[in-house]
Amino acid sequence: RQKEVWMARRGKLIMDFVAGEAEEIFGLREGELLSGASPEYKEARMCCYTVLKNYTEYSFTQVGAYFGKDKQHTAYYVYKLRDLLTIPEYYREMVARYVELEARLVDFLGNLK
């Protein structure tokens, strides 16, 4: 039971960290990542979904739940971004932001034991 509580808290901490860093990297208003409808907000969420799937043990359902999205939505955008990352010359700014978010999460996870 205690391990489950710790894992839940750890998951929220990681997801809060990623969301906050994405807001900073993408230049978004604080606290609006989950509700913003402009392309910048959508790209930021897509990057969040992808780094969380790539670097944590959380499922599409768990990642999506944090953002108020379902499993199919989350999976679609993770696979879409993975495809976009294969042609970085067309999406330079978003790829640079994704790489920065990824680096910050890796550093954070390395310090979170």
Protein backbone atom coordinates (compact mmCIF):
# COMPACT_ATOMS: atom_id res chain seq x y z
CA ARG A 1 0.00 0.00 0.00
CA GLN A 2 2.74 2.43 0.94
CA LYS A 3 4.58 1.69 -2.32
CA GLU A 4 1.40 2.43 -4.32
CA VAL A 5 1.02 5.81 -2.60
CA TRP A 6 4.67 6.62 -3.27
CA MET A 7 4.35 5.65 -6.95
CA ALA A 8 1.23 7.80 -7.36
CA ARG A 9 2.97 10.81 -5.79
CA ARG A 10 6.09 10.21 -7.88
CA GLY A 11 3.98 10.04 -11.05
CA LYS A 12 2.22 13.31 -10.28
CA LEU A 13 5.53 14.97 -9.46
CA ILE A 14 7.05 13.85 -12.78
CA MET A 15 4.00 14.91 -14.79
CA ASP A 16 3.80 18.28 -13.01
CA PHE A 17 7.49 18.81 -13.74
CA VAL A 18 7.10 18.00 -17.44
CA ALA A 19 4.04 20.24 -17.77
CA GLY A 20 5.79 23.15 -16.07
CA GLU A 21 8.92 22.78 -18.14
CA ALA A 22 6.88 22.56 -21.36
CA GLU A 23 5.09 25.80 -20.48
CA GLU A 24 8.45 27.50 -20.02
CA ILE A 25 10.10 26.03 -23.13
CA PHE A 26 7.12 26.78 -25.39
CA GLY A 27 6.55 30.24 -23.85
CA LEU A 28 3.01 29.41 -22.71
CA ARG A 29 1.01 31.01 -19.92
CA GLU A 30 1.51 29.21 -16.65
CA GLY A 31 -1.30 26.79 -15.82
CA GLU A 32 -2.87 26.84 -19.29
CA LEU A 33 -1.09 23.89 -20.89
CA LEU A 34 -4.03 21.57 -20.25
CA SER A 35 -6.66 23.89 -21.74
CA GLY A 36 -4.95 25.99 -24.41
CA ALA A 37 -6.26 25.45 -27.94
CA SER A 38 -3.65 27.21 -30.09
CA PRO A 39 -1.07 25.19 -32.07
CA GLU A 40 1.66 26.01 -29.53
CA TYR A 41 -0.33 24.44 -26.70
CA LYS A 42 -1.14 21.37 -28.80
CA GLU A 43 2.52 20.92 -29.77
CA ALA A 44 3.60 21.31 -26.14
CA ARG A 45 1.10 18.65 -25.01
CA MET A 46 2.23 16.33 -27.80
CA CYS A 47 5.83 16.71 -26.62
CA CYS A 48 4.77 16.06 -23.02
CA TYR A 49 2.93 12.87 -23.96
CA THR A 50 5.93 11.62 -25.90
CA VAL A 51 8.66 12.29 -23.32
CA LEU A 52 6.49 10.78 -20.61
CA LYS A 53 5.90 7.64 -22.68
CA ASN A 54 9.57 7.39 -23.67
CA TYR A 55 11.07 7.92 -20.22
CA THR A 56 8.55 6.62 -17.69
CA GLU A 57 6.65 3.41 -17.11
CA TYR A 58 3.28 5.14 -17.44
CA SER A 59 0.72 3.87 -19.94
CA PHE A 60 -1.05 5.92 -22.60
CA THR A 61 -4.09 5.87 -20.32
CA GLN A 62 -2.15 7.19 -17.32
CA VAL A 63 -0.40 9.92 -19.31
CA GLY A 64 -3.65 10.93 -21.00
CA ALA A 65 -5.55 11.06 -17.72
CA TYR A 66 -3.19 13.74 -16.39
CA PHE A 67 -3.99 15.89 -19.44
CA GLY A 68 -7.71 15.06 -19.48
CA LYS A 69 -7.36 12.97 -22.65
CA ASP A 70 -8.13 9.34 -23.43
CA LYS A 71 -5.76 6.55 -24.42
CA GLN A 72 -6.44 6.82 -28.16
CA HIS A 73 -5.83 10.58 -28.23
CA THR A 74 -2.57 10.23 -26.34
CA ALA A 75 -1.31 7.32 -28.45
CA TYR A 76 -2.19 9.10 -31.70
CA TYR A 77 -0.12 12.17 -30.78
CA VAL A 78 2.82 10.17 -29.43
CA TYR A 79 3.07 8.28 -32.73
CA LYS A 80 2.51 11.48 -34.72
CA LEU A 81 5.39 13.22 -32.95
CA ARG A 82 7.64 10.20 -33.36
CA ASP A 83 6.99 10.46 -37.11
CA LEU A 84 7.66 14.22 -37.14
CA LEU A 85 10.95 13.70 -35.33
CA THR A 86 12.19 11.61 -38.28
CA ILE A 87 12.13 14.74 -40.49
CA PRO A 88 13.56 17.45 -38.22
CA GLU A 89 14.44 19.78 -41.09
CA TYR A 90 10.73 20.57 -41.54
CA TYR A 91 9.93 21.01 -37.84
CA ARG A 92 13.14 22.59 -36.52
CA GLU A 93 11.61 24.75 -33.79
CA MET A 94 9.34 22.04 -32.40
CA VAL A 95 12.13 19.44 -32.54
CA ALA A 96 14.48 21.80 -30.69
CA ARG A 97 11.82 22.34 -28.01
CA TYR A 98 11.18 18.60 -27.74
CA VAL A 99 14.90 17.90 -27.36
CA GLU A 100 15.12 20.53 -24.61
CA LEU A 101 12.11 19.07 -22.77
CA GLU A 102 13.57 15.58 -23.13
CA ALA A 103 16.95 16.72 -21.73
CA ARG A 104 15.31 18.41 -18.76
CA LEU A 105 13.22 15.32 -17.96
CA VAL A 106 16.24 13.00 -18.20
CA ASP A 107 18.16 15.30 -15.85
CA PHE A 108 15.21 15.48 -13.46
CA LEU A 109 14.76 11.70 -13.42
CA GLY A 110 18.49 11.25 -12.83
CA ASN A 111 18.20 13.41 -9.72
CA LEU A 112 14.95 11.80 -8.53
CA LYS A 113 15.75 8.55 -6.84
